Amino acid sequence: MKAARSTSGDGDRRYFKEVRFQQVRALVETARAGSFAAAARRLGLSTPSVWRQVRALEDDYGVPLVSVHGRDVRLTADGTLLLDAAAPLVDGFDALKHVFADRSRAALRELRIATPGTIVSSILHGAIAGYCRAHPTVKLTLSDAPSQTAWEMLDRGEVDLAITGNPSARRLPRTLAVTPLGSYPFHVVCPHDHPLATMPRVSLREILRHPLIDAGPQSSSRIQFDEAVARAGLSDRVTVAMSARHHDVIHSYVSMGIGIALTTRPIFEAMPRRGDSLVIRDVSHILGAERIVLLHRPGRHEPAHVRDFREAMVASLQAPSPG
């Protein structure tokens, strides 16, 4: 007869000496997240708990599996070997419930996407409408979120996909797979009687003379703008009049002369017309282009209706740059 596991300190040590699925998962998530703290957030555990799980795995295998560099954790050669073998097992087990639901006729098919509202109502408008017509039984949930927030929601597993801007100098989480969808030159939007409307060539310094109406600090357009301003050493000259995530609000306040806006032509053309005259001018020589990407988490079970959406987006949007 097997003795019951002790709740004493000795029992805890015996518990962690045995290889358990939680320990293998801790190693996999630590490798993907790059730190014990980030893995702990993913697993809903404390950082010391994840650390103990990985160290217990090292004790059992008798080799170092990770090396710690400040807050960063990197796999050793042995750790990489174990990860290659363990990751498919962990992903397969974690996907078991989703696989069952996907194959069950009674299961609700749901597609959760995080994306900025400006992208949904402009660049993605037709593609999403086409998908909904082709998949009427799929419950589509669109979370209006700035690009950086959308990356984080996907990384935490709160949504199935994210469609966002991807600023040129910003590294996305290493756990996400990136599919480019298109590239759209940045433009400045201002009233027809604004100084920027008739200037022969708009410069960054001229843009900074005027207050900005932006889509918020976590939007890809603002991130890319801040990067350009920082490279020019002009960050202290930025004045933000207001932040608004919806292009109709931005349009209204630009029309009122509150400030200027930075956007792309597809988003500008999706703005509601109210009889007022706005001017849009290409400033890609200053800011470049907004790259739109589709993000998903590889190595996870992907239901057929989610895969269909990814393929439909690529087919409809992955085309030569309009700019």
Protein backbone atom coordinates (compact mmCIF):
# COMPACT_ATOMS: atom_id res chain seq x y z
CA MET A 1 0.00 0.00 0.00
CA LYS A 2 1.32 3.40 -0.98
CA ALA A 3 1.96 5.78 1.88
CA ALA A 4 0.17 9.11 1.76
CA ARG A 5 2.41 12.03 0.78
CA SER A 6 3.50 13.98 3.82
CA THR A 7 2.59 17.63 4.17
CA SER A 8 5.87 18.30 5.97
CA GLY A 9 8.92 20.01 4.49
CA ASP A 10 10.41 16.57 3.64
CA GLY A 11 7.22 15.71 1.78
CA ASP A 12 7.41 18.94 -0.21
CA ARG A 13 10.99 18.16 -1.19
CA ARG A 14 10.00 14.69 -2.36
CA TYR A 15 7.13 16.24 -4.31
CA PHE A 16 9.41 18.61 -6.22
CA LYS A 17 12.00 15.87 -6.83
CA GLU A 18 9.48 13.94 -8.92
CA VAL A 19 9.11 15.07 -12.51
CA ARG A 20 5.62 16.43 -12.88
CA PHE A 21 3.75 18.00 -15.75
CA GLN A 22 3.63 21.37 -13.97
CA GLN A 23 7.42 21.46 -13.88
CA VAL A 24 7.73 20.75 -17.59
CA ARG A 25 5.12 23.42 -18.35
CA ALA A 26 7.04 25.88 -16.16
CA LEU A 27 10.18 25.29 -18.22
CA VAL A 28 8.29 25.70 -21.52
CA GLU A 29 6.60 28.94 -20.45
CA THR A 30 9.83 30.34 -18.98
CA ALA A 31 11.61 29.68 -22.26
CA ARG A 32 8.83 31.36 -24.24
CA ALA A 33 8.38 34.32 -21.92
CA GLY A 34 12.08 34.91 -21.26
CA SER A 35 11.86 35.30 -17.49
CA PHE A 36 10.48 33.58 -14.38
CA ALA A 37 8.29 36.61 -13.63
CA ALA A 38 6.70 36.66 -17.10
CA ALA A 39 6.14 32.90 -17.01
CA ALA A 40 4.52 33.24 -13.58
CA ARG A 41 2.05 35.79 -14.96
CA ARG A 42 1.13 33.42 -17.78
CA LEU A 43 0.67 30.48 -15.41
CA GLY A 44 -1.09 32.38 -12.64
CA LEU A 45 1.63 31.43 -10.13
CA SER A 46 4.14 33.29 -8.02
CA THR A 47 7.63 33.88 -9.42
CA PRO A 48 9.29 31.76 -6.66
CA SER A 49 6.93 28.88 -7.47
CA VAL A 50 7.96 28.87 -11.15
CA TRP A 51 11.62 29.10 -10.12
CA ARG A 52 11.23 26.09 -7.82
CA GLN A 53 9.48 24.08 -10.53
CA VAL A 54 12.31 24.66 -13.02
CA ARG A 55 15.03 24.00 -10.42
CA ALA A 56 13.29 20.77 -9.41
CA LEU A 57 13.35 19.68 -13.05
CA GLU A 58 17.08 20.41 -13.16
CA ASP A 59 17.61 18.32 -10.04
CA ASP A 60 15.82 15.38 -11.57
CA TYR A 61 17.63 15.53 -14.93
CA GLY A 62 20.95 16.29 -13.29
CA VAL A 63 21.91 19.11 -15.67
CA PRO A 64 21.44 22.91 -15.78
CA LEU A 65 18.50 23.74 -18.00
CA VAL A 66 18.49 27.54 -17.70
CA SER A 67 20.94 30.34 -17.03
CA VAL A 68 19.88 33.59 -15.39
CA HIS A 69 21.12 36.97 -16.61
CA GLY A 70 19.56 39.68 -14.46
CA ARG A 71 15.81 39.29 -15.04
CA ASP A 72 16.30 37.36 -18.27
CA VAL A 73 16.35 33.58 -18.35
CA ARG A 74 17.97 31.69 -21.22
CA LEU A 75 18.01 28.00 -21.97
CA THR A 76 21.23 26.02 -21.87
CA ALA A 77 22.00 23.53 -24.64
CA ASP A 78 20.38 20.78 -22.52
CA GLY A 79 17.43 23.04 -21.80
CA THR A 80 16.89 23.57 -25.52
CA LEU A 81 16.97 19.81 -26.13
CA LEU A 82 14.36 19.24 -23.43
CA LEU A 83 12.22 22.14 -24.68
CA ASP A 84 12.13 20.73 -28.22
CA ALA A 85 10.82 17.44 -26.86
CA ALA A 86 8.48 18.86 -24.21
CA ALA A 87 6.83 21.82 -25.96
CA PRO A 88 4.65 19.73 -28.33
CA LEU A 89 3.48 17.62 -25.38
CA VAL A 90 2.57 20.67 -23.29
CA ASP A 91 0.83 22.39 -26.19
CA GLY A 92 -1.06 19.22 -27.06
CA PHE A 93 -2.28 18.75 -23.51
CA ASP A 94 -3.25 22.42 -23.13
CA ALA A 95 -5.18 22.23 -26.40
CA LEU A 96 -7.14 19.11 -25.41
CA LYS A 97 -10.22 21.01 -24.24
CA HIS A 98 -10.19 23.18 -27.36
CA VAL A 99 -9.79 20.17 -29.63
CA PHE A 100 -12.79 18.51 -27.99
CA ALA A 101 -14.89 21.67 -28.27
CA ASP A 102 -13.85 22.17 -31.89
CA ARG A 103 -14.93 18.64 -32.82
CA SER A 104 -18.12 18.67 -30.79
CA ARG A 105 -21.14 19.51 -32.91
CA ALA A 106 -22.73 21.32 -30.00
CA ALA A 107 -19.70 23.50 -29.34
CA LEU A 108 -20.03 27.25 -29.84
CA ARG A 109 -17.56 28.42 -32.45
CA GLU A 110 -16.13 31.75 -31.40
CA LEU A 111 -13.43 33.94 -32.88
CA ARG A 112 -11.93 36.61 -30.62
CA ILE A 113 -9.86 39.34 -32.25
CA ALA A 114 -8.11 42.33 -30.68
CA THR A 115 -7.50 45.23 -33.06
CA PRO A 116 -7.73 49.02 -33.10
CA GLY A 117 -11.15 50.28 -34.11
CA THR A 118 -9.61 52.45 -36.82
CA ILE A 119 -8.22 49.34 -38.54
CA VAL A 120 -11.53 47.46 -38.28
CA SER A 121 -13.57 50.24 -39.87
CA SER A 122 -11.10 51.00 -42.64
CA ILE A 123 -8.56 48.42 -43.79
CA LEU A 124 -10.43 45.34 -42.48
CA HIS A 125 -13.97 46.47 -43.15
CA GLY A 126 -14.60 44.45 -46.30
CA ALA A 127 -12.58 41.40 -45.29
CA ILE A 128 -14.40 40.98 -41.98
CA ALA A 129 -17.79 41.45 -43.64
CA GLY A 130 -16.90 38.72 -46.14
CA TYR A 131 -15.80 36.34 -43.40
CA CYS A 132 -19.03 36.86 -41.45
CA ARG A 133 -21.10 36.05 -44.54
CA ALA A 134 -19.05 32.89 -45.16
CA HIS A 135 -19.19 31.77 -41.49
CA PRO A 136 -22.60 32.84 -40.15
CA THR A 137 -22.47 30.40 -37.21
CA VAL A 138 -19.19 31.76 -35.80
CA LYS A 139 -19.57 34.24 -32.97
CA LEU A 140 -17.14 37.04 -33.84
CA THR A 141 -15.95 39.21 -30.95
CA LEU A 142 -13.88 42.29 -31.83
CA SER A 143 -12.05 43.98 -28.96
CA ASP A 144 -11.21 47.59 -29.78
CA ALA A 145 -7.70 47.95 -28.38
CA PRO A 146 -4.60 50.01 -29.23
CA SER A 147 -1.92 47.98 -30.96
CA GLN A 148 0.27 47.42 -27.91
CA THR A 149 -2.71 46.39 -25.77
CA ALA A 150 -3.81 43.99 -28.52
CA TRP A 151 -0.35 42.32 -28.57
CA GLU A 152 -0.53 41.85 -24.82
CA MET A 153 -4.08 40.44 -24.89
CA LEU A 154 -3.03 37.85 -27.47
CA ASP A 155 0.12 36.98 -25.55
CA ARG A 156 -1.99 36.34 -22.42
CA GLY A 157 -4.37 34.10 -24.37
CA GLU A 158 -7.37 36.42 -23.99
CA VAL A 159 -8.00 36.50 -27.75
CA ASP A 160 -7.32 34.17 -30.67
CA LEU A 161 -5.77 36.70 -33.05
CA ALA A 162 -4.59 40.29 -33.13
CA ILE A 163 -4.44 42.59 -36.14
CA THR A 164 -2.36 45.65 -35.39
CA GLY A 165 0.17 48.15 -36.53
CA ASN A 166 3.79 47.10 -36.14
CA PRO A 167 6.12 50.09 -35.59
CA SER A 168 9.46 49.64 -37.34
CA ALA A 169 11.63 49.78 -34.22
CA ARG A 170 9.32 47.90 -31.84
CA ARG A 171 9.98 44.25 -31.07
CA LEU A 172 6.85 42.18 -30.63
CA PRO A 173 6.68 39.42 -27.98
CA ARG A 174 8.83 36.47 -29.07
CA THR A 175 5.91 34.14 -28.45
CA LEU A 176 3.87 35.57 -31.34
CA ALA A 177 4.02 34.69 -35.03
CA VAL A 178 3.82 37.67 -37.39
CA THR A 179 2.19 37.72 -40.84
CA PRO A 180 2.52 41.03 -42.75
CA LEU A 181 -0.75 42.22 -44.30
CA GLY A 182 0.14 45.57 -45.83
CA SER A 183 2.04 48.82 -45.56
CA TYR A 184 0.38 52.26 -45.65
CA PRO A 185 2.29 55.58 -45.82
CA PHE A 186 1.64 58.04 -43.00
CA HIS A 187 -0.18 61.30 -43.76
CA VAL A 188 -0.85 64.46 -41.75
CA VAL A 189 -4.44 65.69 -41.59
CA CYS A 190 -5.27 69.36 -41.05
CA PRO A 191 -7.95 71.92 -41.99
CA HIS A 192 -7.73 73.47 -45.48
CA ASP A 193 -6.68 76.85 -44.04
CA HIS A 194 -3.95 75.39 -41.80
CA PRO A 195 -0.29 76.39 -42.45
CA LEU A 196 0.63 72.75 -43.19
CA ALA A 197 -2.03 72.55 -45.93
CA THR A 198 -0.11 74.68 -48.44
CA MET A 199 3.50 74.32 -47.28
CA PRO A 200 5.69 73.11 -50.20
CA ARG A 201 7.26 70.33 -48.13
CA VAL A 202 6.21 69.40 -44.62
CA SER A 203 9.06 68.82 -42.15
CA LEU A 204 9.11 67.24 -38.71
CA ARG A 205 9.92 70.58 -37.10
CA GLU A 206 6.90 72.16 -38.80
CA ILE A 207 4.65 69.33 -37.56
CA LEU A 208 5.93 69.88 -34.02
CA ARG A 209 4.88 73.54 -34.13
CA HIS A 210 1.26 72.39 -33.84
CA PRO A 211 -0.62 70.41 -31.17
CA LEU A 212 -1.31 66.79 -32.00
CA ILE A 213 -4.52 64.81 -31.74
CA ASP A 214 -3.35 61.21 -31.42
CA ALA A 215 -4.84 57.76 -30.92
CA GLY A 216 -3.17 57.28 -27.53
CA PRO A 217 0.35 56.36 -26.36
CA GLN A 218 -0.15 52.62 -27.04
CA SER A 219 -1.26 53.11 -30.65
CA SER A 220 1.19 52.07 -33.34
CA SER A 221 0.97 55.49 -35.02
CA ARG A 222 1.95 57.29 -31.81
CA ILE A 223 4.72 54.80 -31.07
CA GLN A 224 6.19 55.29 -34.55
CA PHE A 225 5.84 59.08 -34.26
CA ASP A 226 7.62 59.09 -30.90
CA GLU A 227 10.44 56.98 -32.35
CA ALA A 228 10.94 59.44 -35.22
CA VAL A 229 10.90 62.42 -32.86
CA ALA A 230 13.36 60.74 -30.48
CA ARG A 231 15.78 60.01 -33.34
CA ALA A 232 15.69 63.71 -34.24
CA GLY A 233 16.27 64.72 -30.60
CA LEU A 234 13.01 66.69 -30.50
CA SER A 235 10.96 64.76 -27.95
CA ASP A 236 10.62 67.81 -25.70
CA ARG A 237 8.77 69.68 -28.45
CA VAL A 238 5.78 67.33 -28.71
CA THR A 239 2.47 68.87 -27.62
CA VAL A 240 -0.58 66.60 -27.44
CA ALA A 241 -3.88 68.46 -27.49
CA MET A 242 -5.94 65.31 -26.87
CA SER A 243 -6.05 61.56 -27.40
CA ALA A 244 -8.98 59.83 -29.10
CA ARG A 245 -9.09 56.22 -30.30
CA HIS A 246 -11.90 56.62 -32.85
CA HIS A 247 -11.27 58.30 -36.18
CA ASP A 248 -14.64 60.08 -36.25
CA VAL A 249 -13.71 61.85 -32.99
CA ILE A 250 -10.26 62.71 -34.34
CA HIS A 251 -11.87 64.02 -37.53
CA SER A 252 -14.25 66.25 -35.58
CA TYR A 253 -11.56 67.90 -33.49
CA VAL A 254 -9.17 68.35 -36.39
CA SER A 255 -12.04 70.08 -38.24
CA MET A 256 -12.49 72.38 -35.25
CA GLY A 257 -8.84 73.40 -35.40
CA ILE A 258 -7.92 71.82 -32.05
CA GLY A 259 -4.90 70.09 -33.54
CA ILE A 260 -3.53 68.03 -36.41
CA ALA A 261 -3.61 64.23 -36.77
CA LEU A 262 -1.30 61.59 -38.20
CA THR A 263 -2.97 58.72 -40.00
CA THR A 264 -2.97 56.67 -43.20
CA ARG A 265 -5.05 57.23 -46.32
CA PRO A 266 -7.36 54.20 -45.79
CA ILE A 267 -8.22 55.44 -42.30
CA PHE A 268 -8.69 59.01 -43.51
CA GLU A 269 -11.01 57.86 -46.30
CA ALA A 270 -13.09 55.94 -43.73
CA MET A 271 -13.69 59.12 -41.72
CA PRO A 272 -17.30 60.34 -41.94
CA ARG A 273 -17.72 63.39 -44.18
CA ARG A 274 -19.54 66.27 -42.56
CA GLY A 275 -19.23 68.89 -45.27
CA ASP A 276 -16.05 70.40 -43.87
CA SER A 277 -12.82 70.40 -45.83
CA LEU A 278 -9.73 68.62 -44.53
CA VAL A 279 -6.40 68.28 -46.25
CA ILE A 280 -4.32 65.09 -46.14
CA ARG A 281 -0.61 65.23 -47.01
CA ASP A 282 1.93 62.43 -47.33
CA VAL A 283 4.61 62.57 -44.61
CA SER A 284 6.13 59.15 -45.23
CA HIS A 285 9.50 60.87 -45.78
CA ILE A 286 9.33 61.66 -42.04
CA LEU A 287 7.40 58.78 -40.46
CA GLY A 288 7.59 56.01 -43.04
CA ALA A 289 4.60 53.70 -43.32
CA GLU A 290 2.30 51.92 -40.91
CA ARG A 291 2.81 48.19 -41.29
CA ILE A 292 -0.30 46.15 -40.55
CA VAL A 293 0.31 42.61 -39.29
CA LEU A 294 -1.73 39.61 -38.22
CA LEU A 295 -0.50 37.95 -35.02
CA HIS A 296 -1.21 34.52 -33.60
CA ARG A 297 0.34 32.18 -31.05
CA PRO A 298 2.08 29.29 -32.82
CA GLY A 299 2.27 25.82 -31.33
CA ARG A 300 -1.32 25.93 -30.07
CA HIS A 301 -4.35 24.11 -31.41
CA GLU A 302 -6.06 26.37 -33.93
CA PRO A 303 -9.72 25.61 -34.73
CA ALA A 304 -10.60 25.43 -38.40
CA HIS A 305 -12.73 28.59 -38.31
CA VAL A 306 -9.82 30.57 -36.82
CA ARG A 307 -7.43 29.23 -39.47
CA ASP A 308 -9.99 30.14 -42.15
CA PHE A 309 -10.03 33.72 -40.90
CA ARG A 310 -6.23 33.99 -40.97
CA GLU A 311 -6.10 32.63 -44.50
CA ALA A 312 -8.92 34.93 -45.62
CA MET A 313 -7.13 38.00 -44.21
CA VAL A 314 -3.88 37.07 -45.92
CA ALA A 315 -5.65 36.46 -49.23
CA SER A 316 -7.53 39.78 -49.13
CA LEU A 317 -4.90 42.08 -47.59
CA GLN A 318 -1.46 40.64 -48.25
CA ALA A 319 -0.86 42.56 -51.42
CA PRO A 320 1.84 44.90 -52.77
CA SER A 321 2.06 48.11 -50.76
CA PRO A 322 -0.33 50.80 -52.06
CA GLY A 323 2.37 53.35 -51.26
